[in-house]
């Protein structure tokens, strides 16, 4: 079951519930268990989820319901995924750093 996330900045819990196909209390529970889910609160304390929160919730739902992970297993799997994403250099990062280094060296020569 592929869920399509509408192009919006924020989603209320009812909308997220429909996208995920789970009850709102499940989302609130996942929010307490998975610290990567941090909805913005309005002045009236309503939760507003960003698109990245909804994507993370879809991943959590997949881990728990399709891949049959436990909560602790899903947490470990998410840690692996997030650490892998952070450690992989993006395309062009090395070239940007080389360029910045050359620019800094030129600035250093001008200043001495």
PDB file of N, CA and C in Angstrom:
ATOM      1  N   UNK A   1       0.838  -1.185   0.000  1.00  0.00           N
ATOM      2  CA  UNK A   1       0.000   0.000   0.000  1.00  0.00           C
ATOM      3  C   UNK A   1       0.876   1.239   0.000  1.00  0.00           C
ATOM      4  N   UNK A   2       0.999   1.865  -1.148  1.00  0.00           N
ATOM      5  CA  UNK A   2       1.788   3.088  -1.246  1.00  0.00           C
ATOM      6  C   UNK A   2       0.906   4.284  -0.918  1.00  0.00           C
ATOM      7  N   UNK A   3       1.374   5.099   0.017  1.00  0.00           N
ATOM      8  CA  UNK A   3       0.621   6.292   0.396  1.00  0.00           C
ATOM      9  C   UNK A   3       1.227   7.499  -0.291  1.00  0.00           C
ATOM     10  N   UNK A   4       0.368   8.326  -0.834  1.00  0.00           N
ATOM     11  CA  UNK A   4       0.814   9.551  -1.489  1.00  0.00           C
ATOM     12  C   UNK A   4       0.626  10.694  -0.508  1.00  0.00           C
ATOM     13  N   UNK A   5       1.702  11.451  -0.295  1.00  0.00           N
ATOM     14  CA  UNK A   5       1.652  12.585   0.611  1.00  0.00           C
ATOM     15  C   UNK A   5       1.338  13.831  -0.210  1.00  0.00           C
ATOM     16  N   UNK A   6       0.238  14.516   0.105  1.00  0.00           N
ATOM     17  CA  UNK A   6      -0.087  15.742  -0.630  1.00  0.00           C
ATOM     18  C   UNK A   6       0.990  16.808  -0.433  1.00  0.00           C
ATOM     19  N   UNK A   7       1.084  17.720  -1.389  1.00  0.00           N
ATOM     20  CA  UNK A   7       2.056  18.814  -1.309  1.00  0.00           C
ATOM     21  C   UNK A   7       1.516  19.911  -0.403  1.00  0.00           C
ATOM     22  N   UNK A   8       1.802  19.804   0.871  1.00  0.00           N
ATOM     23  CA  UNK A   8       1.386  20.784   1.870  1.00  0.00           C
ATOM     24  C   UNK A   8       2.539  20.978   2.835  1.00  0.00           C
ATOM     25  N   UNK A   9       2.553  22.100   3.506  1.00  0.00           N
ATOM     26  CA  UNK A   9       3.596  22.358   4.490  1.00  0.00           C
ATOM     27  C   UNK A   9       3.310  21.618   5.795  1.00  0.00           C
ATOM     28  N   UNK A  10       2.050  21.634   6.230  1.00  0.00           N
ATOM     29  CA  UNK A  10       1.690  21.024   7.504  1.00  0.00           C
ATOM     30  C   UNK A  10       0.444  20.164   7.366  1.00  0.00           C
ATOM     31  N   UNK A  11       0.363  19.137   8.205  1.00  0.00           N
ATOM     32  CA  UNK A  11      -0.764  18.219   8.221  1.00  0.00           C
ATOM     33  C   UNK A  11      -1.266  18.077   9.647  1.00  0.00           C
ATOM     34  N   UNK A  12      -2.583  18.078   9.811  1.00  0.00           N
ATOM     35  CA  UNK A  12      -3.169  17.812  11.121  1.00  0.00           C
ATOM     36  C   UNK A  12      -3.161  16.304  11.350  1.00  0.00           C
ATOM     37  N   UNK A  13      -3.323  15.905  12.607  1.00  0.00           N
ATOM     38  CA  UNK A  13      -3.221  14.489  12.944  1.00  0.00           C
ATOM     39  C   UNK A  13      -4.274  13.652  12.223  1.00  0.00           C
ATOM     40  N   UNK A  14      -5.455  14.209  11.979  1.00  0.00           N
ATOM     41  CA  UNK A  14      -6.488  13.472  11.251  1.00  0.00           C
ATOM     42  C   UNK A  14      -6.078  13.173   9.820  1.00  0.00           C
ATOM     43  N   UNK A  15      -5.422  14.150   9.179  1.00  0.00           N
ATOM     44  CA  UNK A  15      -4.936  13.948   7.814  1.00  0.00           C
ATOM     45  C   UNK A  15      -3.837  12.892   7.782  1.00  0.00           C
ATOM     46  N   UNK A  16      -2.938  12.966   8.749  1.00  0.00           N
ATOM     47  CA  UNK A  16      -1.843  11.995   8.829  1.00  0.00           C
ATOM     48  C   UNK A  16      -2.416  10.605   9.080  1.00  0.00           C
ATOM     49  N   UNK A  17      -3.432  10.535   9.921  1.00  0.00           N
ATOM     50  CA  UNK A  17      -4.094   9.271  10.224  1.00  0.00           C
ATOM     51  C   UNK A  17      -4.650   8.629   8.959  1.00  0.00           C
ATOM     52  N   UNK A  18      -5.274   9.423   8.092  1.00  0.00           N
ATOM     53  CA  UNK A  18      -5.830   8.905   6.841  1.00  0.00           C
ATOM     54  C   UNK A  18      -4.726   8.471   5.877  1.00  0.00           C
ATOM     55  N   UNK A  19      -3.646   9.258   5.808  1.00  0.00           N
ATOM     56  CA  UNK A  19      -2.525   8.922   4.923  1.00  0.00           C
ATOM     57  C   UNK A  19      -1.907   7.589   5.337  1.00  0.00           C
ATOM     58  N   UNK A  20      -1.728   7.411   6.651  1.00  0.00           N
ATOM     59  CA  UNK A  20      -1.080   6.201   7.158  1.00  0.00           C
ATOM     60  C   UNK A  20      -2.024   5.013   7.268  1.00  0.00           C
ATOM     61  N   UNK A  21      -3.309   5.293   7.403  1.00  0.00           N
ATOM     62  CA  UNK A  21      -4.262   4.204   7.595  1.00  0.00           C
ATOM     63  C   UNK A  21      -4.234   3.652   9.013  1.00  0.00           C
ATOM     64  N   UNK A  22      -3.900   4.498   9.981  1.00  0.00           N
ATOM     65  CA  UNK A  22      -3.905   4.103  11.393  1.00  0.00           C
ATOM     66  C   UNK A  22      -4.697   5.145  12.182  1.00  0.00           C
ATOM     67  N   UNK A  23      -5.095   4.786  13.376  1.00  0.00           N
ATOM     68  CA  UNK A  23      -5.847   5.692  14.236  1.00  0.00           C
ATOM     69  C   UNK A  23      -4.924   6.778  14.804  1.00  0.00           C
ATOM     70  N   UNK A  24      -5.468   7.962  15.126  1.00  0.00           N
ATOM     71  CA  UNK A  24      -4.641   9.035  15.690  1.00  0.00           C
ATOM     72  C   UNK A  24      -3.900   8.655  16.971  1.00  0.00           C
ATOM     73  N   UNK A  25      -4.507   7.806  17.814  1.00  0.00           N
ATOM     74  CA  UNK A  25      -3.814   7.423  19.045  1.00  0.00           C
ATOM     75  C   UNK A  25      -2.550   6.627  18.766  1.00  0.00           C
ATOM     76  N   UNK A  26      -2.510   5.905  17.637  1.00  0.00           N
ATOM     77  CA  UNK A  26      -1.303   5.166  17.246  1.00  0.00           C
ATOM     78  C   UNK A  26      -0.193   6.151  16.901  1.00  0.00           C
ATOM     79  N   UNK A  27      -0.547   7.199  16.181  1.00  0.00           N
ATOM     80  CA  UNK A  27       0.432   8.224  15.804  1.00  0.00           C
ATOM     81  C   UNK A  27       0.978   8.906  17.058  1.00  0.00           C
ATOM     82  N   UNK A  28       0.091   9.227  18.004  1.00  0.00           N
ATOM     83  CA  UNK A  28       0.541   9.859  19.247  1.00  0.00           C
ATOM     84  C   UNK A  28       1.472   8.928  20.020  1.00  0.00           C
ATOM     85  N   UNK A  29       1.173   7.635  20.011  1.00  0.00           N
ATOM     86  CA  UNK A  29       2.040   6.670  20.687  1.00  0.00           C
ATOM     87  C   UNK A  29       3.401   6.605  19.996  1.00  0.00           C
ATOM     88  N   UNK A  30       3.409   6.512  18.665  1.00  0.00           N
ATOM     89  CA  UNK A  30       4.677   6.475  17.933  1.00  0.00           C
ATOM     90  C   UNK A  30       5.492   7.732  18.200  1.00  0.00           C
ATOM     91  N   UNK A  31       4.805   8.837  18.355  1.00  0.00           N
ATOM     92  CA  UNK A  31       5.480  10.102  18.646  1.00  0.00           C
ATOM     93  C   UNK A  31       6.251  10.016  19.970  1.00  0.00           C
ATOM     94  N   UNK A  32       5.700   9.314  20.952  1.00  0.00           N
ATOM     95  CA  UNK A  32       6.390   9.163  22.238  1.00  0.00           C
ATOM     96  C   UNK A  32       7.548   8.180  22.143  1.00  0.00           C
ATOM     97  N   UNK A  33       7.424   7.183  21.282  1.00  0.00           N
ATOM     98  CA  UNK A  33       8.454   6.148  21.169  1.00  0.00           C
ATOM     99  C   UNK A  33       9.603   6.538  20.241  1.00  0.00           C
ATOM    100  N   UNK A  34       9.299   7.225  19.166  1.00  0.00           N
ATOM    101  CA  UNK A  34      10.298   7.578  18.155  1.00  0.00           C
ATOM    102  C   UNK A  34      10.557   9.077  18.240  1.00  0.00           C
ATOM    103  N   UNK A  35      11.693   9.440  18.753  1.00  0.00           N
ATOM    104  CA  UNK A  35      12.008  10.851  19.019  1.00  0.00           C
ATOM    105  C   UNK A  35      12.258  11.667  17.758  1.00  0.00           C
ATOM    106  N   UNK A  36      12.313  11.025  16.596  1.00  0.00           N
ATOM    107  CA  UNK A  36      12.506  11.766  15.345  1.00  0.00           C
ATOM    108  C   UNK A  36      11.221  12.423  14.873  1.00  0.00           C
ATOM    109  N   UNK A  37      10.099  12.063  15.471  1.00  0.00           N
ATOM    110  CA  UNK A  37       8.812  12.661  15.130  1.00  0.00           C
ATOM    111  C   UNK A  37       8.552  13.802  16.097  1.00  0.00           C
ATOM    112  N   UNK A  38       8.612  15.023  15.576  1.00  0.00           N
ATOM    113  CA  UNK A  38       8.435  16.209  16.423  1.00  0.00           C
ATOM    114  C   UNK A  38       7.473  17.181  15.755  1.00  0.00           C
ATOM    115  N   UNK A  39       6.174  16.972  15.954  1.00  0.00           N
ATOM    116  CA  UNK A  39       5.232  17.905  15.337  1.00  0.00           C
ATOM    117  C   UNK A  39       5.289  19.274  15.993  1.00  0.00           C
ATOM    118  N   UNK A  40       4.966  20.280  15.209  1.00  0.00           N
ATOM    119  CA  UNK A  40       4.871  21.645  15.716  1.00  0.00           C
ATOM    120  C   UNK A  40       3.542  21.746  16.446  1.00  0.00           C
ATOM    121  N   UNK A  41       3.519  22.508  17.514  1.00  0.00           N
ATOM    122  CA  UNK A  41       2.267  22.707  18.252  1.00  0.00           C
ATOM    123  C   UNK A  41       1.750  24.114  17.983  1.00  0.00           C
ATOM    124  N   UNK A  42       0.439  24.213  17.767  1.00  0.00           N
ATOM    125  CA  UNK A  42      -0.182  25.521  17.599  1.00  0.00           C
ATOM    126  C   UNK A  42      -0.449  26.113  18.984  1.00  0.00           C
ATOM    127  N   UNK A  43      -0.968  27.338  19.006  1.00  0.00           N
ATOM    128  CA  UNK A  43      -1.300  27.968  20.292  1.00  0.00           C
ATOM    129  C   UNK A  43      -2.355  27.170  21.045  1.00  0.00           C
ATOM    130  N   UNK A  44      -3.191  26.465  20.308  1.00  0.00           N
ATOM    131  CA  UNK A  44      -4.231  25.644  20.939  1.00  0.00           C
ATOM    132  C   UNK A  44      -3.762  24.206  21.167  1.00  0.00           C
ATOM    133  N   UNK A  45      -2.465  23.976  21.062  1.00  0.00           N
ATOM    134  CA  UNK A  45      -1.811  22.688  21.328  1.00  0.00           C
ATOM    135  C   UNK A  45      -2.155  21.601  20.309  1.00  0.00           C
ATOM    136  N   UNK A  46      -2.637  21.988  19.133  1.00  0.00           N
ATOM    137  CA  UNK A  46      -2.858  20.995  18.086  1.00  0.00           C
ATOM    138  C   UNK A  46      -1.526  20.634  17.452  1.00  0.00           C
ATOM    139  N   UNK A  47      -1.395  19.366  17.100  1.00  0.00           N
ATOM    140  CA  UNK A  47      -0.179  18.910  16.440  1.00  0.00           C
ATOM    141  C   UNK A  47      -0.257  19.228  14.948  1.00  0.00           C
ATOM    142  N   UNK A  48       0.838  19.779  14.421  1.00  0.00           N
ATOM    143  CA  UNK A  48       0.968  19.984  12.980  1.00  0.00           C
ATOM    144  C   UNK A  48       2.229  19.256  12.536  1.00  0.00           C
ATOM    145  N   UNK A  49       2.057  18.260  11.688  1.00  0.00           N
ATOM    146  CA  UNK A  49       3.174  17.447  11.218  1.00  0.00           C
ATOM    147  C   UNK A  49       3.703  17.998   9.904  1.00  0.00           C
ATOM    148  N   UNK A  50       5.030  18.090   9.800  1.00  0.00           N
ATOM    149  CA  UNK A  50       5.673  18.490   8.548  1.00  0.00           C
ATOM    150  C   UNK A  50       5.742  17.276   7.622  1.00  0.00           C
ATOM    151  N   UNK A  51       6.054  17.529   6.366  1.00  0.00           N
ATOM    152  CA  UNK A  51       6.140  16.434   5.395  1.00  0.00           C
ATOM    153  C   UNK A  51       7.187  15.406   5.828  1.00  0.00           C
ATOM    154  N   UNK A  52       8.319  15.880   6.385  1.00  0.00           N
ATOM    155  CA  UNK A  52       9.358  14.931   6.813  1.00  0.00           C
ATOM    156  C   UNK A  52       8.874  14.060   7.972  1.00  0.00           C
ATOM    157  N   UNK A  53       7.987  14.616   8.821  1.00  0.00           N
ATOM    158  CA  UNK A  53       7.407  13.814   9.897  1.00  0.00           C
ATOM    159  C   UNK A  53       6.510  12.715   9.320  1.00  0.00           C
ATOM    160  N   UNK A  54       5.715  13.081   8.319  1.00  0.00           N
ATOM    161  CA  UNK A  54       4.816  12.109   7.699  1.00  0.00           C
ATOM    162  C   UNK A  54       5.628  11.018   7.003  1.00  0.00           C
ATOM    163  N   UNK A  55       6.706  11.406   6.324  1.00  0.00           N
ATOM    164  CA  UNK A  55       7.567  10.409   5.672  1.00  0.00           C
ATOM    165  C   UNK A  55       8.179   9.467   6.704  1.00  0.00           C
ATOM    166  N   UNK A  56       8.619  10.019   7.827  1.00  0.00           N
ATOM    167  CA  UNK A  56       9.186   9.197   8.899  1.00  0.00           C
ATOM    168  C   UNK A  56       8.121   8.257   9.467  1.00  0.00           C
ATOM    169  N   UNK A  57       6.907   8.756   9.635  1.00  0.00           N
ATOM    170  CA  UNK A  57       5.816   7.916  10.125  1.00  0.00           C
ATOM    171  C   UNK A  57       5.481   6.801   9.135  1.00  0.00           C
ATOM    172  N   UNK A  58       5.546   7.092   7.850  1.00  0.00           N
ATOM    173  CA  UNK A  58       5.333   6.043   6.839  1.00  0.00           C
ATOM    174  C   UNK A  58       6.410   4.966   6.935  1.00  0.00           C
ATOM    175  N   UNK A  59       7.637   5.399   7.172  1.00  0.00           N
ATOM    176  CA  UNK A  59       8.740   4.444   7.343  1.00  0.00           C
ATOM    177  C   UNK A  59       8.500   3.580   8.582  1.00  0.00           C
ATOM    178  N   UNK A  60       8.097   4.215   9.671  1.00  0.00           N
ATOM    179  CA  UNK A  60       7.823   3.486  10.913  1.00  0.00           C
ATOM    180  C   UNK A  60       6.690   2.487  10.692  1.00  0.00           C
ATOM    181  N   UNK A  61       5.615   2.931  10.028  1.00  0.00           N
ATOM    182  CA  UNK A  61       4.505   2.022   9.750  1.00  0.00           C
ATOM    183  C   UNK A  61       4.965   0.824   8.931  1.00  0.00           C
ATOM    184  N   UNK A  62       5.808   1.085   7.934  1.00  0.00           N
ATOM    185  CA  UNK A  62       6.332   0.007   7.105  1.00  0.00           C
ATOM    186  C   UNK A  62       7.161  -0.970   7.940  1.00  0.00           C
ATOM    187  N   UNK A  63       8.036  -0.441   8.789  1.00  0.00           N
ATOM    188  CA  UNK A  63       8.873  -1.306   9.618  1.00  0.00           C
ATOM    189  C   UNK A  63       8.030  -2.166  10.563  1.00  0.00           C
ATOM    190  N   UNK A  64       7.012  -1.559  11.151  1.00  0.00           N
ATOM    191  CA  UNK A  64       6.202  -2.276  12.143  1.00  0.00           C
ATOM    192  C   UNK A  64       5.189  -3.221  11.505  1.00  0.00           C
ATOM    193  N   UNK A  65       4.512  -2.786  10.457  1.00  0.00           N
ATOM    194  CA  UNK A  65       3.408  -3.568   9.913  1.00  0.00           C
ATOM    195  C   UNK A  65       3.806  -4.492   8.767  1.00  0.00           C
ATOM    196  N   UNK A  66       4.647  -4.014   7.851  1.00  0.00           N
ATOM    197  CA  UNK A  66       5.025  -4.852   6.719  1.00  0.00           C
ATOM    198  C   UNK A  66       6.241  -5.738   7.046  1.00  0.00           C
ATOM    199  N   UNK A  67       7.262  -5.134   7.652  1.00  0.00           N
ATOM    200  CA  UNK A  67       8.479  -5.896   7.929  1.00  0.00           C
ATOM    201  C   UNK A  67       8.442  -6.586   9.283  1.00  0.00           C
ATOM    202  N   UNK A  68       7.393  -6.324  10.064  1.00  0.00           N
ATOM    203  CA  UNK A  68       7.120  -7.008  11.326  1.00  0.00           C
ATOM    204  C   UNK A  68       8.194  -6.806  12.398  1.00  0.00           C
ATOM    205  N   UNK A  69       8.820  -5.623  12.433  1.00  0.00           N
ATOM    206  CA  UNK A  69       9.771  -5.283  13.479  1.00  0.00           C
ATOM    207  C   UNK A  69       9.007  -4.991  14.765  1.00  0.00           C
ATOM    208  N   UNK A  70       9.677  -5.197  15.896  1.00  0.00           N
ATOM    209  CA  UNK A  70       9.141  -4.717  17.164  1.00  0.00           C
ATOM    210  C   UNK A  70       9.457  -3.225  17.251  1.00  0.00           C
ATOM    211  N   UNK A  71       8.932  -2.559  18.272  1.00  0.00           N
ATOM    212  CA  UNK A  71       9.233  -1.127  18.448  1.00  0.00           C
ATOM    213  C   UNK A  71      10.736  -0.934  18.601  1.00  0.00           C
ATOM    214  N   UNK A  72      11.368  -1.725  19.459  1.00  0.00           N
ATOM    215  CA  UNK A  72      12.819  -1.551  19.669  1.00  0.00           C
ATOM    216  C   UNK A  72      13.600  -1.916  18.415  1.00  0.00           C
ATOM    217  N   UNK A  73      13.161  -2.921  17.683  1.00  0.00           N
ATOM    218  CA  UNK A  73      13.818  -3.284  16.433  1.00  0.00           C
ATOM    219  C   UNK A  73      13.679  -2.190  15.385  1.00  0.00           C
ATOM    220  N   UNK A  74      12.506  -1.581  15.338  1.00  0.00           N
ATOM    221  CA  UNK A  74      12.282  -0.484  14.391  1.00  0.00           C
ATOM    222  C   UNK A  74      13.158   0.713  14.747  1.00  0.00           C
ATOM    223  N   UNK A  75      13.316   0.979  16.051  1.00  0.00           N
ATOM    224  CA  UNK A  75      14.192   2.085  16.478  1.00  0.00           C
ATOM    225  C   UNK A  75      15.620   1.839  16.009  1.00  0.00           C
ATOM    226  N   UNK A  76      16.102   0.606  16.194  1.00  0.00           N
ATOM    227  CA  UNK A  76      17.470   0.270  15.767  1.00  0.00           C
ATOM    228  C   UNK A  76      17.614   0.387  14.261  1.00  0.00           C
ATOM    229  N   UNK A  77      16.606  -0.062  13.527  1.00  0.00           N
ATOM    230  CA  UNK A  77      16.652   0.011  12.069  1.00  0.00           C
ATOM    231  C   UNK A  77      16.666   1.464  11.598  1.00  0.00           C
ATOM    232  N   UNK A  78      15.869   2.318  12.235  1.00  0.00           N
ATOM    233  CA  UNK A  78      15.860   3.739  11.881  1.00  0.00           C
ATOM    234  C   UNK A  78      17.206   4.389  12.169  1.00  0.00           C
ATOM    235  N   UNK A  79      17.829   4.004  13.292  1.00  0.00           N
ATOM    236  CA  UNK A  79      19.162   4.533  13.607  1.00  0.00           C
ATOM    237  C   UNK A  79      20.159   4.158  12.522  1.00  0.00           C
ATOM    238  N   UNK A  80      20.095   2.906  12.061  1.00  0.00           N
ATOM    239  CA  UNK A  80      20.994   2.466  10.991  1.00  0.00           C
ATOM    240  C   UNK A  80      20.773   3.285   9.729  1.00  0.00           C
ATOM    241  N   UNK A  81      19.514   3.472   9.366  1.00  0.00           N
ATOM    242  CA  UNK A  81      19.180   4.212   8.142  1.00  0.00           C
ATOM    243  C   UNK A  81      19.644   5.656   8.246  1.00  0.00           C
ATOM    244  N   UNK A  82      19.379   6.294   9.405  1.00  0.00           N
ATOM    245  CA  UNK A  82      19.764   7.692   9.564  1.00  0.00           C
ATOM    246  C   UNK A  82      21.277   7.865   9.612  1.00  0.00           C
ATOM    247  N   UNK A  83      21.988   6.960  10.267  1.00  0.00           N
ATOM    248  CA  UNK A  83      23.444   7.094  10.321  1.00  0.00           C
ATOM    249  C   UNK A  83      24.064   6.829   8.952  1.00  0.00           C
ATOM    250  N   UNK A  84      23.478   5.921   8.178  1.00  0.00           N
ATOM    251  CA  UNK A  84      23.976   5.651   6.825  1.00  0.00           C
ATOM    252  C   UNK A  84      23.754   6.872   5.934  1.00  0.00           C
ATOM    253  N   UNK A  85      22.590   7.513   6.056  1.00  0.00           N
ATOM    254  CA  UNK A  85      22.291   8.694   5.243  1.00  0.00           C
ATOM    255  C   UNK A  85      23.202   9.858   5.595  1.00  0.00           C
ATOM    256  N   UNK A  86      23.558   9.999   6.871  1.00  0.00           N
ATOM    257  CA  UNK A  86      24.414  11.111   7.293  1.00  0.00           C
ATOM    258  C   UNK A  86      25.863  10.888   6.901  1.00  0.00           C
ATOM    259  N   UNK A  87      26.303   9.626   6.868  1.00  0.00           N
ATOM    260  CA  UNK A  87      27.716   9.362   6.606  1.00  0.00           C
ATOM    261  C   UNK A  87      28.052   9.324   5.120  1.00  0.00           C
ATOM    262  N   UNK A  88      27.062   9.120   4.266  1.00  0.00           N
ATOM    263  CA  UNK A  88      27.350   9.076   2.834  1.00  0.00           C
ATOM    264  C   UNK A  88      27.481  10.484   2.284  1.00  0.00           C
ATOM    265  N   UNK A  89      28.654  10.785   1.676  1.00  0.00           N
ATOM    266  CA  UNK A  89      28.814  12.123   1.113  1.00  0.00           C
ATOM    267  C   UNK A  89      27.905  12.303  -0.093  1.00  0.00           C
ATOM    268  N   UNK A  90      27.412  13.483  -0.240  1.00  0.00           N
ATOM    269  CA  UNK A  90      26.536  13.802  -1.360  1.00  0.00           C
ATOM    270  C   UNK A  90      27.400  14.088  -2.597  1.00  0.00           C
ATOM    271  N   UNK A  91      26.801  13.907  -3.755  1.00  0.00           N
ATOM    272  CA  UNK A  91      27.507  14.186  -5.010  1.00  0.00           C
ATOM    273  C   UNK A  91      27.936  15.643  -5.044  1.00  0.00           C
ATOM    274  N   UNK A  92      29.185  15.877  -5.363  1.00  0.00           N
ATOM    275  CA  UNK A  92      29.674  17.237  -5.506  1.00  0.00           C
ATOM    276  C   UNK A  92      30.206  17.850  -4.225  1.00  0.00           C
ATOM    277  N   UNK A  93      30.043  17.188  -3.075  1.00  0.00           N
ATOM    278  CA  UNK A  93      30.529  17.748  -1.818  1.00  0.00           C
ATOM    279  C   UNK A  93      32.048  17.895  -1.830  1.00  0.00           C
ATOM    280  N   UNK A  94      32.740  16.893  -2.337  1.00  0.00           N
ATOM    281  CA  UNK A  94      34.205  16.931  -2.359  1.00  0.00           C
ATOM    282  C   UNK A  94      34.688  18.091  -3.231  1.00  0.00           C
ATOM    283  N   UNK A  95      34.059  18.246  -4.383  1.00  0.00           N
ATOM    284  CA  UNK A  95      34.460  19.322  -5.290  1.00  0.00           C
ATOM    285  C   UNK A  95      34.216  20.694  -4.652  1.00  0.00           C
ATOM    286  N   UNK A  96      33.115  20.836  -3.946  1.00  0.00           N
ATOM    287  CA  UNK A  96      32.809  22.093  -3.270  1.00  0.00           C
ATOM    288  C   UNK A  96      33.856  22.399  -2.211  1.00  0.00           C
ATOM    289  N   UNK A  97      34.248  21.380  -1.456  1.00  0.00           N
ATOM    290  CA  UNK A  97      35.249  21.585  -0.410  1.00  0.00           C
ATOM    291  C   UNK A  97      36.606  21.962  -1.002  1.00  0.00           C
ATOM    292  N   UNK A  98      36.988  21.334  -2.107  1.00  0.00           N
ATOM    293  CA  UNK A  98      38.250  21.672  -2.774  1.00  0.00           C
ATOM    294  C   UNK A  98      38.207  23.118  -3.253  1.00  0.00           C
ATOM    295  N   UNK A  99      37.102  23.530  -3.831  1.00  0.00           N
ATOM    296  CA  UNK A  99      36.938  24.900  -4.300  1.00  0.00           C
ATOM    297  C   UNK A  99      37.044  25.889  -3.139  1.00  0.00           C
ATOM    298  N   UNK A 100      36.357  25.600  -2.045  1.00  0.00           N
ATOM    299  CA  UNK A 100      36.394  26.477  -0.864  1.00  0.00           C
ATOM    300  C   UNK A 100      37.811  26.569  -0.312  1.00  0.00           C
ATOM    301  N   UNK A 101      38.518  25.455  -0.284  1.00  0.00           N
ATOM    302  CA  UNK A 101      39.891  25.453   0.225  1.00  0.00           C
ATOM    303  C   UNK A 101      40.778  26.357  -0.639  1.00  0.00           C
ATOM    304  N   UNK A 102      40.650  26.258  -1.951  1.00  0.00           N
ATOM    305  CA  UNK A 102      41.447  27.093  -2.853  1.00  0.00           C
ATOM    306  C   UNK A 102      41.126  28.569  -2.649  1.00  0.00           C
ATOM    307  N   UNK A 103      39.851  28.883  -2.506  1.00  0.00           N
ATOM    308  CA  UNK A 103      39.438  30.266  -2.270  1.00  0.00           C
ATOM    309  C   UNK A 103      40.022  30.794  -0.959  1.00  0.00           C
ATOM    310  N   UNK A 104      39.972  29.966   0.078  1.00  0.00           N
ATOM    311  CA  UNK A 104      40.524  30.383   1.371  1.00  0.00           C
ATOM    312  C   UNK A 104      42.033  30.582   1.294  1.00  0.00           C
ATOM    313  N   UNK A 105      42.704  29.724   0.548  1.00  0.00           N
ATOM    314  CA  UNK A 105      44.157  29.880   0.383  1.00  0.00           C
ATOM    315  C   UNK A 105      44.460  31.186  -0.344  1.00  0.00           C
ATOM    316  N   UNK A 106      43.679  31.542  -1.345  1.00  0.00           N
ATOM    317  CA  UNK A 106      43.882  32.791  -2.071  1.00  0.00           C
ATOM    318  C   UNK A 106      43.636  33.992  -1.161  1.00  0.00           C
ATOM    319  N   UNK A 107      42.603  33.913  -0.339  1.00  0.00           N
ATOM    320  CA  UNK A 107      42.323  34.997   0.605  1.00  0.00           C
ATOM    321  C   UNK A 107      43.462  35.131   1.598  1.00  0.00           C
ATOM    322  N   UNK A 108      43.985  33.994   2.052  1.00  0.00           N
ATOM    323  CA  UNK A 108      45.101  34.008   3.002  1.00  0.00           C
ATOM    324  C   UNK A 108      46.338  34.662   2.383  1.00  0.00           C
ATOM    325  N   UNK A 109      46.625  34.373   1.098  1.00  0.00           N
ATOM    326  CA  UNK A 109      47.768  34.985   0.414  1.00  0.00           C
ATOM    327  C   UNK A 109      47.576  36.493   0.277  1.00  0.00           C
ATOM    328  N   UNK A 110      46.351  36.913  -0.017  1.00  0.00           N
ATOM    329  CA  UNK A 110      46.075  38.350  -0.145  1.00  0.00           C
ATOM    330  C   UNK A 110      46.276  39.087   1.184  1.00  0.00           C
ATOM    331  N   UNK A 111      45.954  38.425   2.264  1.00  0.00           N
ATOM    332  CA  UNK A 111      46.032  39.074   3.574  1.00  0.00           C
ATOM    333  C   UNK A 111      47.463  39.120   4.128  1.00  0.00           C
ATOM    334  N   UNK A 112      48.368  38.255   3.630  1.00  0.00           N
ATOM    335  CA  UNK A 112      49.738  38.260   4.167  1.00  0.00           C
ATOM    336  C   UNK A 112      50.666  39.128   3.383  1.00  0.00           C
TER     337      UNK A 112
END
